[in-house]
Amino acid sequence: MSFRLDASGLLDGLSMFESKADAAFRAYADTSALKLQNSARKNARWTDRTGHARQRLTGDALVVSNGYKLRLAHGVDYGIWLELAHEKRFAIIMETIELLGPSEIIPGFEHLLERLH
């Protein structure tokens, strides 16, 4: 008795699933980076003089070797002083990450994984 298995359909299906999952991960990473950016801009405690520091707080998602990395950063050269000077009264980056990471971003990612399962 001989048995023949054509796995080409299975391989195509796995490849398509991987592409869809990667697209979902990318979209979630982009959305999460935007959520970090918007929260930081909204909740920054400094008084705007020109508005540049607030406008140039940016969140983005980067592709790395093992997935995605979210980044939230100042786009002005004096952003470091907003984060570190004056006993960190105006720091917003770590506060935003610590607030949204465990409460919204990680649970949302876990929900995404459950839906893909």
PDB file of N, CA and C in Angstrom:
ATOM      1  N   MET A   1       0.838  -1.159   0.000  1.00  0.00           N
ATOM      2  CA  MET A   1       0.000   0.000   0.000  1.00  0.00           C
ATOM      3  C   MET A   1       0.893   1.235   0.000  1.00  0.00           C
ATOM      4  N   SER A   2       0.587   2.160  -0.867  1.00  0.00           N
ATOM      5  CA  SER A   2       1.374   3.382  -0.893  1.00  0.00           C
ATOM      6  C   SER A   2       0.480   4.552  -0.503  1.00  0.00           C
ATOM      7  N   PHE A   3       1.151   5.538  -0.028  1.00  0.00           N
ATOM      8  CA  PHE A   3       0.433   6.716   0.456  1.00  0.00           C
ATOM      9  C   PHE A   3       1.150   7.953  -0.071  1.00  0.00           C
ATOM     10  N   ARG A   4       0.384   8.857  -0.641  1.00  0.00           N
ATOM     11  CA  ARG A   4       0.978  10.068  -1.192  1.00  0.00           C
ATOM     12  C   ARG A   4       0.317  11.270  -0.531  1.00  0.00           C
ATOM     13  N   LEU A   5       1.133  12.191  -0.053  1.00  0.00           N
ATOM     14  CA  LEU A   5       0.632  13.396   0.604  1.00  0.00           C
ATOM     15  C   LEU A   5       1.125  14.616  -0.156  1.00  0.00           C
ATOM     16  N   ASP A   6       0.197  15.413  -0.610  1.00  0.00           N
ATOM     17  CA  ASP A   6       0.547  16.658  -1.291  1.00  0.00           C
ATOM     18  C   ASP A   6       0.428  17.788  -0.264  1.00  0.00           C
ATOM     19  N   ALA A   7       1.552  18.304   0.186  1.00  0.00           N
ATOM     20  CA  ALA A   7       1.569  19.329   1.231  1.00  0.00           C
ATOM     21  C   ALA A   7       1.643  20.738   0.664  1.00  0.00           C
ATOM     22  N   SER A   8       1.543  20.893  -0.637  1.00  0.00           N
ATOM     23  CA  SER A   8       1.675  22.228  -1.227  1.00  0.00           C
ATOM     24  C   SER A   8       0.573  23.168  -0.740  1.00  0.00           C
ATOM     25  N   GLY A   9      -0.642  22.653  -0.617  1.00  0.00           N
ATOM     26  CA  GLY A   9      -1.743  23.482  -0.105  1.00  0.00           C
ATOM     27  C   GLY A   9      -1.507  23.903   1.330  1.00  0.00           C
ATOM     28  N   LEU A  10      -0.984  22.993   2.124  1.00  0.00           N
ATOM     29  CA  LEU A  10      -0.678  23.294   3.524  1.00  0.00           C
ATOM     30  C   LEU A  10       0.406  24.359   3.615  1.00  0.00           C
ATOM     31  N   LEU A  11       1.448  24.226   2.833  1.00  0.00           N
ATOM     32  CA  LEU A  11       2.533  25.213   2.849  1.00  0.00           C
ATOM     33  C   LEU A  11       2.046  26.586   2.399  1.00  0.00           C
ATOM     34  N   ASP A  12       1.198  26.603   1.372  1.00  0.00           N
ATOM     35  CA  ASP A  12       0.627  27.884   0.915  1.00  0.00           C
ATOM     36  C   ASP A  12      -0.227  28.513   2.008  1.00  0.00           C
ATOM     37  N   GLY A  13      -1.024  27.684   2.681  1.00  0.00           N
ATOM     38  CA  GLY A  13      -1.882  28.175   3.767  1.00  0.00           C
ATOM     39  C   GLY A  13      -1.078  28.723   4.926  1.00  0.00           C
ATOM     40  N   LEU A  14       0.005  28.028   5.285  1.00  0.00           N
ATOM     41  CA  LEU A  14       0.868  28.511   6.374  1.00  0.00           C
ATOM     42  C   LEU A  14       1.546  29.822   6.004  1.00  0.00           C
ATOM     43  N   SER A  15       1.972  29.919   4.769  1.00  0.00           N
ATOM     44  CA  SER A  15       2.608  31.152   4.306  1.00  0.00           C
ATOM     45  C   SER A  15       1.617  32.313   4.327  1.00  0.00           C
ATOM     46  N   MET A  16       0.380  32.058   3.902  1.00  0.00           N
ATOM     47  CA  MET A  16      -0.641  33.101   3.908  1.00  0.00           C
ATOM     48  C   MET A  16      -0.971  33.518   5.340  1.00  0.00           C
ATOM     49  N   PHE A  17      -1.047  32.541   6.265  1.00  0.00           N
ATOM     50  CA  PHE A  17      -1.319  32.854   7.665  1.00  0.00           C
ATOM     51  C   PHE A  17      -0.200  33.718   8.245  1.00  0.00           C
ATOM     52  N   GLU A  18       1.032  33.385   7.936  1.00  0.00           N
ATOM     53  CA  GLU A  18       2.170  34.152   8.431  1.00  0.00           C
ATOM     54  C   GLU A  18       2.114  35.592   7.914  1.00  0.00           C
ATOM     55  N   SER A  19       1.764  35.773   6.654  1.00  0.00           N
ATOM     56  CA  SER A  19       1.651  37.112   6.083  1.00  0.00           C
ATOM     57  C   SER A  19       0.538  37.908   6.752  1.00  0.00           C
ATOM     58  N   LYS A  20      -0.617  37.265   6.989  1.00  0.00           N
ATOM     59  CA  LYS A  20      -1.734  37.944   7.642  1.00  0.00           C
ATOM     60  C   LYS A  20      -1.376  38.287   9.091  1.00  0.00           C
ATOM     61  N   ALA A  21      -0.725  37.371   9.784  1.00  0.00           N
ATOM     62  CA  ALA A  21      -0.337  37.626  11.175  1.00  0.00           C
ATOM     63  C   ALA A  21       0.665  38.771  11.235  1.00  0.00           C
ATOM     64  N   ASP A  22       1.630  38.785  10.333  1.00  0.00           N
ATOM     65  CA  ASP A  22       2.618  39.856  10.324  1.00  0.00           C
ATOM     66  C   ASP A  22       1.962  41.202  10.027  1.00  0.00           C
ATOM     67  N   ALA A  23       1.008  41.222   9.125  1.00  0.00           N
ATOM     68  CA  ALA A  23       0.291  42.469   8.824  1.00  0.00           C
ATOM     69  C   ALA A  23      -0.498  42.939  10.041  1.00  0.00           C
ATOM     70  N   ALA A  24      -1.112  42.001  10.767  1.00  0.00           N
ATOM     71  CA  ALA A  24      -1.853  42.361  11.981  1.00  0.00           C
ATOM     72  C   ALA A  24      -0.907  42.892  13.049  1.00  0.00           C
ATOM     73  N   PHE A  25       0.262  42.260  13.213  1.00  0.00           N
ATOM     74  CA  PHE A  25       1.242  42.731  14.195  1.00  0.00           C
ATOM     75  C   PHE A  25       1.741  44.125  13.838  1.00  0.00           C
ATOM     76  N   ARG A  26       2.005  44.340  12.559  1.00  0.00           N
ATOM     77  CA  ARG A  26       2.494  45.653  12.108  1.00  0.00           C
ATOM     78  C   ARG A  26       1.445  46.735  12.360  1.00  0.00           C
ATOM     79  N   ALA A  27       0.203  46.439  12.030  1.00  0.00           N
ATOM     80  CA  ALA A  27      -0.874  47.408  12.246  1.00  0.00           C
ATOM     81  C   ALA A  27      -1.039  47.698  13.736  1.00  0.00           C
ATOM     82  N   TYR A  28      -0.947  46.654  14.567  1.00  0.00           N
ATOM     83  CA  TYR A  28      -1.081  46.860  16.011  1.00  0.00           C
ATOM     84  C   TYR A  28       0.089  47.677  16.556  1.00  0.00           C
ATOM     85  N   ALA A  29       1.293  47.409  16.084  1.00  0.00           N
ATOM     86  CA  ALA A  29       2.462  48.173  16.522  1.00  0.00           C
ATOM     87  C   ALA A  29       2.326  49.641  16.126  1.00  0.00           C
ATOM     88  N   ASP A  30       1.896  49.905  14.902  1.00  0.00           N
ATOM     89  CA  ASP A  30       1.707  51.292  14.452  1.00  0.00           C
ATOM     90  C   ASP A  30       0.644  52.003  15.286  1.00  0.00           C
ATOM     91  N   THR A  31      -0.462  51.319  15.538  1.00  0.00           N
ATOM     92  CA  THR A  31      -1.543  51.902  16.335  1.00  0.00           C
ATOM     93  C   THR A  31      -1.078  52.169  17.767  1.00  0.00           C
ATOM     94  N   SER A  32      -0.324  51.250  18.336  1.00  0.00           N
ATOM     95  CA  SER A  32       0.175  51.424  19.700  1.00  0.00           C
ATOM     96  C   SER A  32       1.155  52.579  19.794  1.00  0.00           C
ATOM     97  N   ALA A  33       2.015  52.725  18.804  1.00  0.00           N
ATOM     98  CA  ALA A  33       2.964  53.847  18.794  1.00  0.00           C
ATOM     99  C   ALA A  33       2.221  55.174  18.707  1.00  0.00           C
ATOM    100  N   LEU A  34       1.173  55.219  17.904  1.00  0.00           N
ATOM    101  CA  LEU A  34       0.364  56.429  17.794  1.00  0.00           C
ATOM    102  C   LEU A  34      -0.358  56.730  19.113  1.00  0.00           C
ATOM    103  N   LYS A  35      -0.802  55.677  19.794  1.00  0.00           N
ATOM    104  CA  LYS A  35      -1.456  55.848  21.090  1.00  0.00           C
ATOM    105  C   LYS A  35      -0.478  56.440  22.106  1.00  0.00           C
ATOM    106  N   LEU A  36       0.762  55.951  22.112  1.00  0.00           N
ATOM    107  CA  LEU A  36       1.792  56.513  23.002  1.00  0.00           C
ATOM    108  C   LEU A  36       2.028  57.983  22.674  1.00  0.00           C
ATOM    109  N   GLN A  37       2.172  58.278  21.398  1.00  0.00           N
ATOM    110  CA  GLN A  37       2.430  59.648  20.950  1.00  0.00           C
ATOM    111  C   GLN A  37       1.305  60.591  21.379  1.00  0.00           C
ATOM    112  N   ASN A  38       0.075  60.211  21.114  1.00  0.00           N
ATOM    113  CA  ASN A  38      -1.062  61.070  21.434  1.00  0.00           C
ATOM    114  C   ASN A  38      -1.203  61.296  22.935  1.00  0.00           C
ATOM    115  N   SER A  39      -0.982  60.257  23.707  1.00  0.00           N
ATOM    116  CA  SER A  39      -1.074  60.389  25.162  1.00  0.00           C
ATOM    117  C   SER A  39       0.021  61.312  25.695  1.00  0.00           C
ATOM    118  N   ALA A  40       1.236  61.141  25.205  1.00  0.00           N
ATOM    119  CA  ALA A  40       2.343  61.993  25.661  1.00  0.00           C
ATOM    120  C   ALA A  40       2.083  63.452  25.303  1.00  0.00           C
ATOM    121  N   ARG A  41       1.618  63.700  24.106  1.00  0.00           N
ATOM    122  CA  ARG A  41       1.328  65.081  23.693  1.00  0.00           C
ATOM    123  C   ARG A  41       0.219  65.682  24.550  1.00  0.00           C
ATOM    124  N   LYS A  42      -0.796  64.909  24.820  1.00  0.00           N
ATOM    125  CA  LYS A  42      -1.938  65.408  25.585  1.00  0.00           C
ATOM    126  C   LYS A  42      -1.571  65.674  27.044  1.00  0.00           C
ATOM    127  N   ASN A  43      -0.757  64.801  27.630  1.00  0.00           N
ATOM    128  CA  ASN A  43      -0.508  64.862  29.064  1.00  0.00           C
ATOM    129  C   ASN A  43       0.798  65.537  29.465  1.00  0.00           C
ATOM    130  N   ALA A  44       1.560  66.045  28.518  1.00  0.00           N
ATOM    131  CA  ALA A  44       2.805  66.747  28.857  1.00  0.00           C
ATOM    132  C   ALA A  44       2.479  67.951  29.736  1.00  0.00           C
ATOM    133  N   ARG A  45       3.232  68.117  30.822  1.00  0.00           N
ATOM    134  CA  ARG A  45       2.909  69.119  31.831  1.00  0.00           C
ATOM    135  C   ARG A  45       3.634  70.449  31.670  1.00  0.00           C
ATOM    136  N   TRP A  46       4.425  70.592  30.648  1.00  0.00           N
ATOM    137  CA  TRP A  46       5.113  71.856  30.513  1.00  0.00           C
ATOM    138  C   TRP A  46       4.223  72.899  29.849  1.00  0.00           C
ATOM    139  N   THR A  47       4.596  74.161  30.004  1.00  0.00           N
ATOM    140  CA  THR A  47       3.885  75.262  29.359  1.00  0.00           C
ATOM    141  C   THR A  47       4.500  75.480  27.986  1.00  0.00           C
ATOM    142  N   ASP A  48       3.672  75.414  26.963  1.00  0.00           N
ATOM    143  CA  ASP A  48       4.173  75.608  25.605  1.00  0.00           C
ATOM    144  C   ASP A  48       4.556  77.071  25.383  1.00  0.00           C
ATOM    145  N   ARG A  49       5.710  77.259  24.785  1.00  0.00           N
ATOM    146  CA  ARG A  49       6.109  78.589  24.342  1.00  0.00           C
ATOM    147  C   ARG A  49       5.906  78.678  22.820  1.00  0.00           C
ATOM    148  N   THR A  50       6.470  77.706  22.129  1.00  0.00           N
ATOM    149  CA  THR A  50       6.312  77.668  20.670  1.00  0.00           C
ATOM    150  C   THR A  50       5.417  76.509  20.231  1.00  0.00           C
ATOM    151  N   GLY A  51       5.253  75.520  21.075  1.00  0.00           N
ATOM    152  CA  GLY A  51       4.486  74.334  20.723  1.00  0.00           C
ATOM    153  C   GLY A  51       5.304  73.253  20.048  1.00  0.00           C
ATOM    154  N   HIS A  52       6.571  73.547  19.755  1.00  0.00           N
ATOM    155  CA  HIS A  52       7.401  72.583  19.026  1.00  0.00           C
ATOM    156  C   HIS A  52       7.656  71.305  19.818  1.00  0.00           C
ATOM    157  N   ALA A  53       7.937  71.432  21.112  1.00  0.00           N
ATOM    158  CA  ALA A  53       8.246  70.232  21.907  1.00  0.00           C
ATOM    159  C   ALA A  53       7.061  69.276  21.912  1.00  0.00           C
ATOM    160  N   ARG A  54       5.878  69.803  22.087  1.00  0.00           N
ATOM    161  CA  ARG A  54       4.674  68.956  22.112  1.00  0.00           C
ATOM    162  C   ARG A  54       4.406  68.364  20.724  1.00  0.00           C
ATOM    163  N   GLN A  55       4.498  69.192  19.692  1.00  0.00           N
ATOM    164  CA  GLN A  55       4.221  68.727  18.331  1.00  0.00           C
ATOM    165  C   GLN A  55       5.222  67.675  17.864  1.00  0.00           C
ATOM    166  N   ARG A  56       6.435  67.757  18.381  1.00  0.00           N
ATOM    167  CA  ARG A  56       7.473  66.853  17.884  1.00  0.00           C
ATOM    168  C   ARG A  56       7.747  65.670  18.808  1.00  0.00           C
ATOM    169  N   LEU A  57       6.878  65.442  19.784  1.00  0.00           N
ATOM    170  CA  LEU A  57       6.901  64.173  20.511  1.00  0.00           C
ATOM    171  C   LEU A  57       6.366  63.137  19.530  1.00  0.00           C
ATOM    172  N   THR A  58       7.147  62.133  19.229  1.00  0.00           N
ATOM    173  CA  THR A  58       6.724  61.178  18.205  1.00  0.00           C
ATOM    174  C   THR A  58       6.827  59.742  18.683  1.00  0.00           C
ATOM    175  N   GLY A  59       5.849  58.978  18.286  1.00  0.00           N
ATOM    176  CA  GLY A  59       5.855  57.545  18.526  1.00  0.00           C
ATOM    177  C   GLY A  59       5.912  56.838  17.193  1.00  0.00           C
ATOM    178  N   ASP A  60       6.710  55.797  17.122  1.00  0.00           N
ATOM    179  CA  ASP A  60       6.752  55.010  15.893  1.00  0.00           C
ATOM    180  C   ASP A  60       7.082  53.566  16.217  1.00  0.00           C
ATOM    181  N   ALA A  61       6.825  52.711  15.250  1.00  0.00           N
ATOM    182  CA  ALA A  61       7.085  51.277  15.385  1.00  0.00           C
ATOM    183  C   ALA A  61       8.210  50.911  14.429  1.00  0.00           C
ATOM    184  N   LEU A  62       9.186  50.199  14.946  1.00  0.00           N
ATOM    185  CA  LEU A  62      10.339  49.779  14.147  1.00  0.00           C
ATOM    186  C   LEU A  62      10.350  48.268  14.016  1.00  0.00           C
ATOM    187  N   VAL A  63      10.700  47.789  12.849  1.00  0.00           N
ATOM    188  CA  VAL A  63      10.882  46.353  12.648  1.00  0.00           C
ATOM    189  C   VAL A  63      12.280  45.999  13.141  1.00  0.00           C
ATOM    190  N   VAL A  64      12.353  45.023  14.046  1.00  0.00           N
ATOM    191  CA  VAL A  64      13.640  44.524  14.544  1.00  0.00           C
ATOM    192  C   VAL A  64      13.740  43.040  14.199  1.00  0.00           C
ATOM    193  N   SER A  65      14.883  42.442  14.475  1.00  0.00           N
ATOM    194  CA  SER A  65      15.119  41.063  14.041  1.00  0.00           C
ATOM    195  C   SER A  65      14.110  40.065  14.602  1.00  0.00           C
ATOM    196  N   ASN A  66      13.601  40.306  15.792  1.00  0.00           N
ATOM    197  CA  ASN A  66      12.682  39.337  16.383  1.00  0.00           C
ATOM    198  C   ASN A  66      11.269  39.893  16.575  1.00  0.00           C
ATOM    199  N   GLY A  67      10.904  40.952  15.853  1.00  0.00           N
ATOM    200  CA  GLY A  67       9.552  41.483  15.974  1.00  0.00           C
ATOM    201  C   GLY A  67       9.496  42.978  15.713  1.00  0.00           C
ATOM    202  N   TYR A  68       8.856  43.678  16.625  1.00  0.00           N
ATOM    203  CA  TYR A  68       8.683  45.121  16.505  1.00  0.00           C
ATOM    204  C   TYR A  68       9.101  45.794  17.800  1.00  0.00           C
ATOM    205  N   LYS A  69       9.550  47.030  17.660  1.00  0.00           N
ATOM    206  CA  LYS A  69       9.911  47.827  18.821  1.00  0.00           C
ATOM    207  C   LYS A  69       9.161  49.139  18.719  1.00  0.00           C
ATOM    208  N   LEU A  70       8.514  49.537  19.822  1.00  0.00           N
ATOM    209  CA  LEU A  70       7.837  50.820  19.865  1.00  0.00           C
ATOM    210  C   LEU A  70       8.800  51.851  20.435  1.00  0.00           C
ATOM    211  N   ARG A  71       8.757  53.046  19.853  1.00  0.00           N
ATOM    212  CA  ARG A  71       9.660  54.106  20.300  1.00  0.00           C
ATOM    213  C   ARG A  71       8.837  55.375  20.512  1.00  0.00           C
ATOM    214  N   LEU A  72       9.112  56.051  21.630  1.00  0.00           N
ATOM    215  CA  LEU A  72       8.511  57.346  21.920  1.00  0.00           C
ATOM    216  C   LEU A  72       9.663  58.283  22.228  1.00  0.00           C
ATOM    217  N   ALA A  73       9.763  59.386  21.496  1.00  0.00           N
ATOM    218  CA  ALA A  73      10.946  60.246  21.625  1.00  0.00           C
ATOM    219  C   ALA A  73      10.595  61.709  21.389  1.00  0.00           C
ATOM    220  N   HIS A  74      11.459  62.557  21.925  1.00  0.00           N
ATOM    221  CA  HIS A  74      11.374  63.992  21.656  1.00  0.00           C
ATOM    222  C   HIS A  74      12.012  64.273  20.307  1.00  0.00           C
ATOM    223  N   GLY A  75      11.490  65.252  19.612  1.00  0.00           N
ATOM    224  CA  GLY A  75      12.056  65.652  18.335  1.00  0.00           C
ATOM    225  C   GLY A  75      12.753  66.996  18.405  1.00  0.00           C
ATOM    226  N   VAL A  76      12.870  67.537  19.614  1.00  0.00           N
ATOM    227  CA  VAL A  76      13.574  68.810  19.792  1.00  0.00           C
ATOM    228  C   VAL A  76      14.840  68.552  20.600  1.00  0.00           C
ATOM    229  N   ASP A  77      15.869  69.364  20.359  1.00  0.00           N
ATOM    230  CA  ASP A  77      17.141  69.132  21.039  1.00  0.00           C
ATOM    231  C   ASP A  77      17.064  69.360  22.542  1.00  0.00           C
ATOM    232  N   TYR A  78      16.119  70.134  23.017  1.00  0.00           N
ATOM    233  CA  TYR A  78      16.013  70.385  24.454  1.00  0.00           C
ATOM    234  C   TYR A  78      15.059  69.397  25.146  1.00  0.00           C
ATOM    235  N   GLY A  79      14.588  68.397  24.416  1.00  0.00           N
ATOM    236  CA  GLY A  79      13.713  67.388  25.001  1.00  0.00           C
ATOM    237  C   GLY A  79      14.351  66.662  26.170  1.00  0.00           C
ATOM    238  N   ILE A  80      15.649  66.453  26.100  1.00  0.00           N
ATOM    239  CA  ILE A  80      16.355  65.786  27.206  1.00  0.00           C
ATOM    240  C   ILE A  80      16.197  66.569  28.496  1.00  0.00           C
ATOM    241  N   TRP A  81      16.166  67.892  28.392  1.00  0.00           N
ATOM    242  CA  TRP A  81      16.031  68.731  29.585  1.00  0.00           C
ATOM    243  C   TRP A  81      14.607  68.667  30.126  1.00  0.00           C
ATOM    244  N   LEU A  82      13.642  68.526  29.250  1.00  0.00           N
ATOM    245  CA  LEU A  82      12.272  68.355  29.725  1.00  0.00           C
ATOM    246  C   LEU A  82      12.125  67.044  30.496  1.00  0.00           C
ATOM    247  N   GLU A  83      12.889  66.038  30.099  1.00  0.00           N
ATOM    248  CA  GLU A  83      12.807  64.735  30.765  1.00  0.00           C
ATOM    249  C   GLU A  83      13.627  64.663  32.053  1.00  0.00           C
ATOM    250  N   LEU A  84      14.774  65.333  32.093  1.00  0.00           N
ATOM    251  CA  LEU A  84      15.692  65.112  33.211  1.00  0.00           C
ATOM    252  C   LEU A  84      15.859  66.290  34.160  1.00  0.00           C
ATOM    253  N   ALA A  85      15.664  67.500  33.694  1.00  0.00           N
ATOM    254  CA  ALA A  85      15.897  68.669  34.548  1.00  0.00           C
ATOM    255  C   ALA A  85      14.696  68.932  35.461  1.00  0.00           C
ATOM    256  N   HIS A  86      14.866  69.847  36.362  1.00  0.00           N
ATOM    257  CA  HIS A  86      13.802  70.279  37.283  1.00  0.00           C
ATOM    258  C   HIS A  86      13.180  69.107  38.030  1.00  0.00           C
ATOM    259  N   GLU A  87      14.058  68.235  38.532  1.00  0.00           N
ATOM    260  CA  GLU A  87      13.646  67.041  39.279  1.00  0.00           C
ATOM    261  C   GLU A  87      12.623  66.197  38.518  1.00  0.00           C
ATOM    262  N   LYS A  88      12.741  66.192  37.185  1.00  0.00           N
ATOM    263  CA  LYS A  88      11.904  65.397  36.278  1.00  0.00           C
ATOM    264  C   LYS A  88      10.419  65.759  36.363  1.00  0.00           C
ATOM    265  N   ARG A  89      10.111  66.993  36.768  1.00  0.00           N
ATOM    266  CA  ARG A  89       8.713  67.419  36.868  1.00  0.00           C
ATOM    267  C   ARG A  89       7.999  67.409  35.520  1.00  0.00           C
ATOM    268  N   PHE A  90       8.745  67.585  34.436  1.00  0.00           N
ATOM    269  CA  PHE A  90       8.130  67.661  33.119  1.00  0.00           C
ATOM    270  C   PHE A  90       8.329  66.382  32.295  1.00  0.00           C
ATOM    271  N   ALA A  91       8.913  65.363  32.908  1.00  0.00           N
ATOM    272  CA  ALA A  91       9.156  64.096  32.205  1.00  0.00           C
ATOM    273  C   ALA A  91       7.820  63.469  31.796  1.00  0.00           C
ATOM    274  N   ILE A  92       7.748  63.029  30.561  1.00  0.00           N
ATOM    275  CA  ILE A  92       6.500  62.442  30.065  1.00  0.00           C
ATOM    276  C   ILE A  92       6.719  61.083  29.389  1.00  0.00           C
ATOM    277  N   ILE A  93       7.900  60.813  28.901  1.00  0.00           N
ATOM    278  CA  ILE A  93       8.109  59.587  28.117  1.00  0.00           C
ATOM    279  C   ILE A  93       7.943  58.325  28.961  1.00  0.00           C
ATOM    280  N   MET A  94       8.713  58.189  30.036  1.00  0.00           N
ATOM    281  CA  MET A  94       8.593  56.968  30.852  1.00  0.00           C
ATOM    282  C   MET A  94       7.222  56.870  31.505  1.00  0.00           C
ATOM    283  N   GLU A  95       6.684  57.998  31.913  1.00  0.00           N
ATOM    284  CA  GLU A  95       5.347  57.995  32.515  1.00  0.00           C
ATOM    285  C   GLU A  95       4.314  57.434  31.537  1.00  0.00           C
ATOM    286  N   THR A  96       4.386  57.840  30.300  1.00  0.00           N
ATOM    287  CA  THR A  96       3.450  57.368  29.280  1.00  0.00           C
ATOM    288  C   THR A  96       3.624  55.881  29.019  1.00  0.00           C
ATOM    289  N   ILE A  97       4.856  55.441  28.903  1.00  0.00           N
ATOM    290  CA  ILE A  97       5.135  54.020  28.657  1.00  0.00           C
ATOM    291  C   ILE A  97       4.663  53.171  29.833  1.00  0.00           C
ATOM    292  N   GLU A  98       4.962  53.633  31.044  1.00  0.00           N
ATOM    293  CA  GLU A  98       4.563  52.871  32.235  1.00  0.00           C
ATOM    294  C   GLU A  98       3.053  52.860  32.436  1.00  0.00           C
ATOM    295  N   LEU A  99       2.377  53.900  31.977  1.00  0.00           N
ATOM    296  CA  LEU A  99       0.924  53.956  32.108  1.00  0.00           C
ATOM    297  C   LEU A  99       0.225  53.100  31.052  1.00  0.00           C
ATOM    298  N   LEU A 100       0.596  53.273  29.797  1.00  0.00           N
ATOM    299  CA  LEU A 100      -0.122  52.586  28.709  1.00  0.00           C
ATOM    300  C   LEU A 100       0.382  51.175  28.432  1.00  0.00           C
ATOM    301  N   GLY A 101       1.662  50.922  28.682  1.00  0.00           N
ATOM    302  CA  GLY A 101       2.214  49.597  28.389  1.00  0.00           C
ATOM    303  C   GLY A 101       1.445  48.475  29.058  1.00  0.00           C
ATOM    304  N   PRO A 102       1.439  48.436  30.396  1.00  0.00           N
ATOM    305  CA  PRO A 102       0.770  47.325  31.075  1.00  0.00           C
ATOM    306  C   PRO A 102      -0.758  47.400  31.063  1.00  0.00           C
ATOM    307  N   SER A 103      -1.317  48.594  30.899  1.00  0.00           N
ATOM    308  CA  SER A 103      -2.769  48.710  31.002  1.00  0.00           C
ATOM    309  C   SER A 103      -3.486  48.601  29.657  1.00  0.00           C
ATOM    310  N   GLU A 104      -2.815  48.972  28.558  1.00  0.00           N
ATOM    311  CA  GLU A 104      -3.495  48.955  27.262  1.00  0.00           C
ATOM    312  C   GLU A 104      -2.745  48.191  26.178  1.00  0.00           C
ATOM    313  N   ILE A 105      -1.463  48.463  26.028  1.00  0.00           N
ATOM    314  CA  ILE A 105      -0.734  47.895  24.891  1.00  0.00           C
ATOM    315  C   ILE A 105      -0.510  46.390  25.039  1.00  0.00           C
ATOM    316  N   ILE A 106      -0.005  45.950  26.171  1.00  0.00           N
ATOM    317  CA  ILE A 106       0.241  44.512  26.369  1.00  0.00           C
ATOM    318  C   ILE A 106      -1.073  43.724  26.369  1.00  0.00           C
ATOM    319  N   PRO A 107      -2.111  44.149  27.115  1.00  0.00           N
ATOM    320  CA  PRO A 107      -3.379  43.400  27.042  1.00  0.00           C
ATOM    321  C   PRO A 107      -3.971  43.381  25.633  1.00  0.00           C
ATOM    322  N   GLY A 108      -3.847  44.465  24.891  1.00  0.00           N
ATOM    323  CA  GLY A 108      -4.335  44.492  23.524  1.00  0.00           C
ATOM    324  C   GLY A 108      -3.593  43.514  22.633  1.00  0.00           C
ATOM    325  N   PHE A 109      -2.281  43.405  22.837  1.00  0.00           N
ATOM    326  CA  PHE A 109      -1.481  42.459  22.059  1.00  0.00           C
ATOM    327  C   PHE A 109      -1.866  41.017  22.412  1.00  0.00           C
ATOM    328  N   GLU A 110      -2.097  40.760  23.698  1.00  0.00           N
ATOM    329  CA  GLU A 110      -2.524  39.416  24.102  1.00  0.00           C
ATOM    330  C   GLU A 110      -3.873  39.071  23.468  1.00  0.00           C
ATOM    331  N   HIS A 111      -4.766  40.039  23.401  1.00  0.00           N
ATOM    332  CA  HIS A 111      -6.062  39.826  22.762  1.00  0.00           C
ATOM    333  C   HIS A 111      -5.885  39.534  21.258  1.00  0.00           C
ATOM    334  N   LEU A 112      -4.977  40.256  20.629  1.00  0.00           N
ATOM    335  CA  LEU A 112      -4.682  40.016  19.208  1.00  0.00           C
ATOM    336  C   LEU A 112      -4.179  38.590  18.996  1.00  0.00           C
ATOM    337  N   LEU A 113      -3.279  38.137  19.868  1.00  0.00           N
ATOM    338  CA  LEU A 113      -2.754  36.772  19.751  1.00  0.00           C
ATOM    339  C   LEU A 113      -3.874  35.739  19.913  1.00  0.00           C
ATOM    340  N   GLU A 114      -4.789  35.991  20.848  1.00  0.00           N
ATOM    341  CA  GLU A 114      -5.911  35.067  21.048  1.00  0.00           C
ATOM    342  C   GLU A 114      -6.785  34.999  19.801  1.00  0.00           C
ATOM    343  N   ARG A 115      -7.004  36.140  19.156  1.00  0.00           N
ATOM    344  CA  ARG A 115      -7.832  36.173  17.961  1.00  0.00           C
ATOM    345  C   ARG A 115      -7.164  35.468  16.797  1.00  0.00           C
ATOM    346  N   LEU A 116      -5.843  35.525  16.720  1.00  0.00           N
ATOM    347  CA  LEU A 116      -5.124  34.848  15.645  1.00  0.00           C
ATOM    348  C   LEU A 116      -5.025  33.337  15.878  1.00  0.00           C
ATOM    349  N   HIS A 117      -5.191  32.930  17.098  1.00  0.00           N
ATOM    350  CA  HIS A 117      -5.084  31.520  17.461  1.00  0.00           C
ATOM    351  C   HIS A 117      -6.227  30.789  16.911  1.00  0.00           C
TER     352      HIS A 117
END
